[in-house]
Amino acid sequence: MGLKPTCKEVHRLVSEGLDRDLSLVERWRMRLHLMVCDACGAFSKQMDLLRRAMQQLTIPDDAGQEPDEK
């Protein structure tokens, strides 16, 4: 693990950051990379948009239940 992470590593960190708290070193390395890499910055923004959209999604109470048979 070098000081400058690769785009592949940053994509992994962005994704993992949605599921767990990143360490201070992971966050620092990722943020430094995002400051200089427009492609990874766009990926990070897209992932954030997807996360927020999923949080707002509502699932009907009867989802996954079999319809009543008559």
C-alpha atoms as a PDB file:
ATOM      1  CA  MET A   1       0.000   0.000   0.000  1.00  0.00           C
ATOM      2  CA  GLY A   2       1.768   3.095  -1.257  1.00  0.00           C
ATOM      3  CA  LEU A   3       1.042   6.677  -0.384  1.00  0.00           C
ATOM      4  CA  LYS A   4      -0.777   7.272  -3.677  1.00  0.00           C
ATOM      5  CA  PRO A   5      -3.642   4.803  -4.155  1.00  0.00           C
ATOM      6  CA  THR A   6      -4.669   3.593  -7.594  1.00  0.00           C
ATOM      7  CA  CYS A   7      -8.076   4.358  -9.071  1.00  0.00           C
ATOM      8  CA  LYS A   8      -9.020   0.705  -8.523  1.00  0.00           C
ATOM      9  CA  GLU A   9      -8.179   0.987  -4.823  1.00  0.00           C
ATOM     10  CA  VAL A  10     -10.124   4.236  -4.496  1.00  0.00           C
ATOM     11  CA  HIS A  11     -13.190   2.647  -6.127  1.00  0.00           C
ATOM     12  CA  ARG A  12     -12.934  -0.171  -3.586  1.00  0.00           C
ATOM     13  CA  LEU A  13     -12.614   2.294  -0.701  1.00  0.00           C
ATOM     14  CA  VAL A  14     -15.573   4.361  -1.922  1.00  0.00           C
ATOM     15  CA  SER A  15     -17.706   1.213  -2.102  1.00  0.00           C
ATOM     16  CA  GLU A  16     -16.521  -0.139   1.246  1.00  0.00           C
ATOM     17  CA  GLY A  17     -17.120   3.252   2.828  1.00  0.00           C
ATOM     18  CA  LEU A  18     -20.831   2.759   2.175  1.00  0.00           C
ATOM     19  CA  ASP A  19     -20.836  -0.380   4.345  1.00  0.00           C
ATOM     20  CA  ARG A  20     -18.312   0.398   7.060  1.00  0.00           C
ATOM     21  CA  ASP A  21     -16.363   3.233   8.629  1.00  0.00           C
ATOM     22  CA  LEU A  22     -13.033   3.674   6.878  1.00  0.00           C
ATOM     23  CA  SER A  23      -9.911   4.120   8.962  1.00  0.00           C
ATOM     24  CA  LEU A  24      -8.335   7.539   9.207  1.00  0.00           C
ATOM     25  CA  VAL A  25      -5.525   6.482   6.855  1.00  0.00           C
ATOM     26  CA  GLU A  26      -7.991   5.055   4.314  1.00  0.00           C
ATOM     27  CA  ARG A  27     -10.084   8.243   4.353  1.00  0.00           C
ATOM     28  CA  TRP A  28      -6.995  10.437   4.051  1.00  0.00           C
ATOM     29  CA  ARG A  29      -5.562   8.494   1.105  1.00  0.00           C
ATOM     30  CA  MET A  30      -8.932   8.376  -0.646  1.00  0.00           C
ATOM     31  CA  ARG A  31      -9.585  12.094  -0.211  1.00  0.00           C
ATOM     32  CA  LEU A  32      -6.136  13.012  -1.530  1.00  0.00           C
ATOM     33  CA  HIS A  33      -6.743  10.903  -4.624  1.00  0.00           C
ATOM     34  CA  LEU A  34     -10.237  12.358  -5.132  1.00  0.00           C
ATOM     35  CA  MET A  35      -8.738  15.864  -5.105  1.00  0.00           C
ATOM     36  CA  VAL A  36      -6.631  15.117  -8.187  1.00  0.00           C
ATOM     37  CA  CYS A  37      -8.621  12.474 -10.099  1.00  0.00           C
ATOM     38  CA  ASP A  38     -11.775  13.734 -11.814  1.00  0.00           C
ATOM     39  CA  ALA A  39     -12.881  10.237 -12.857  1.00  0.00           C
ATOM     40  CA  CYS A  40     -12.785   8.900  -9.300  1.00  0.00           C
ATOM     41  CA  GLY A  41     -14.474  12.060  -8.054  1.00  0.00           C
ATOM     42  CA  ALA A  42     -17.330  11.455 -10.489  1.00  0.00           C
ATOM     43  CA  PHE A  43     -17.549   7.801  -9.379  1.00  0.00           C
ATOM     44  CA  SER A  44     -17.709   8.865  -5.735  1.00  0.00           C
ATOM     45  CA  LYS A  45     -20.508  11.348  -6.475  1.00  0.00           C
ATOM     46  CA  GLN A  46     -22.457   8.691  -8.400  1.00  0.00           C
ATOM     47  CA  MET A  47     -22.160   6.234  -5.520  1.00  0.00           C
ATOM     48  CA  ASP A  48     -23.330   8.908  -3.082  1.00  0.00           C
ATOM     49  CA  LEU A  49     -26.320   9.658  -5.312  1.00  0.00           C
ATOM     50  CA  LEU A  50     -27.237   5.963  -5.451  1.00  0.00           C
ATOM     51  CA  ARG A  51     -26.898   5.640  -1.669  1.00  0.00           C
ATOM     52  CA  ARG A  52     -29.187   8.613  -1.052  1.00  0.00           C
ATOM     53  CA  ALA A  53     -31.729   7.339  -3.598  1.00  0.00           C
ATOM     54  CA  MET A  54     -31.836   3.915  -1.946  1.00  0.00           C
ATOM     55  CA  GLN A  55     -32.326   5.491   1.480  1.00  0.00           C
ATOM     56  CA  GLN A  56     -35.399   7.331   0.175  1.00  0.00           C
ATOM     57  CA  LEU A  57     -36.884   4.230  -1.466  1.00  0.00           C
ATOM     58  CA  THR A  58     -39.998   2.953   0.253  1.00  0.00           C
ATOM     59  CA  ILE A  59     -41.113  -0.636  -0.006  1.00  0.00           C
ATOM     60  CA  PRO A  60     -44.850  -1.399   0.227  1.00  0.00           C
ATOM     61  CA  ASP A  61     -45.943  -3.357   3.314  1.00  0.00           C
ATOM     62  CA  ASP A  62     -47.247  -6.230   1.178  1.00  0.00           C
ATOM     63  CA  ALA A  63     -44.042  -6.652  -0.855  1.00  0.00           C
ATOM     64  CA  GLY A  64     -43.001 -10.256  -1.275  1.00  0.00           C
ATOM     65  CA  GLN A  65     -46.312 -11.690  -0.055  1.00  0.00           C
ATOM     66  CA  GLU A  66     -48.386 -14.059  -2.131  1.00  0.00           C
ATOM     67  CA  PRO A  67     -51.629 -12.581  -3.488  1.00  0.00           C
ATOM     68  CA  ASP A  68     -54.787 -13.798  -1.754  1.00  0.00           C
ATOM     69  CA  GLU A  69     -56.367 -16.755  -3.517  1.00  0.00           C
ATOM     70  CA  LYS A  70     -60.150 -16.726  -3.891  1.00  0.00           C
END
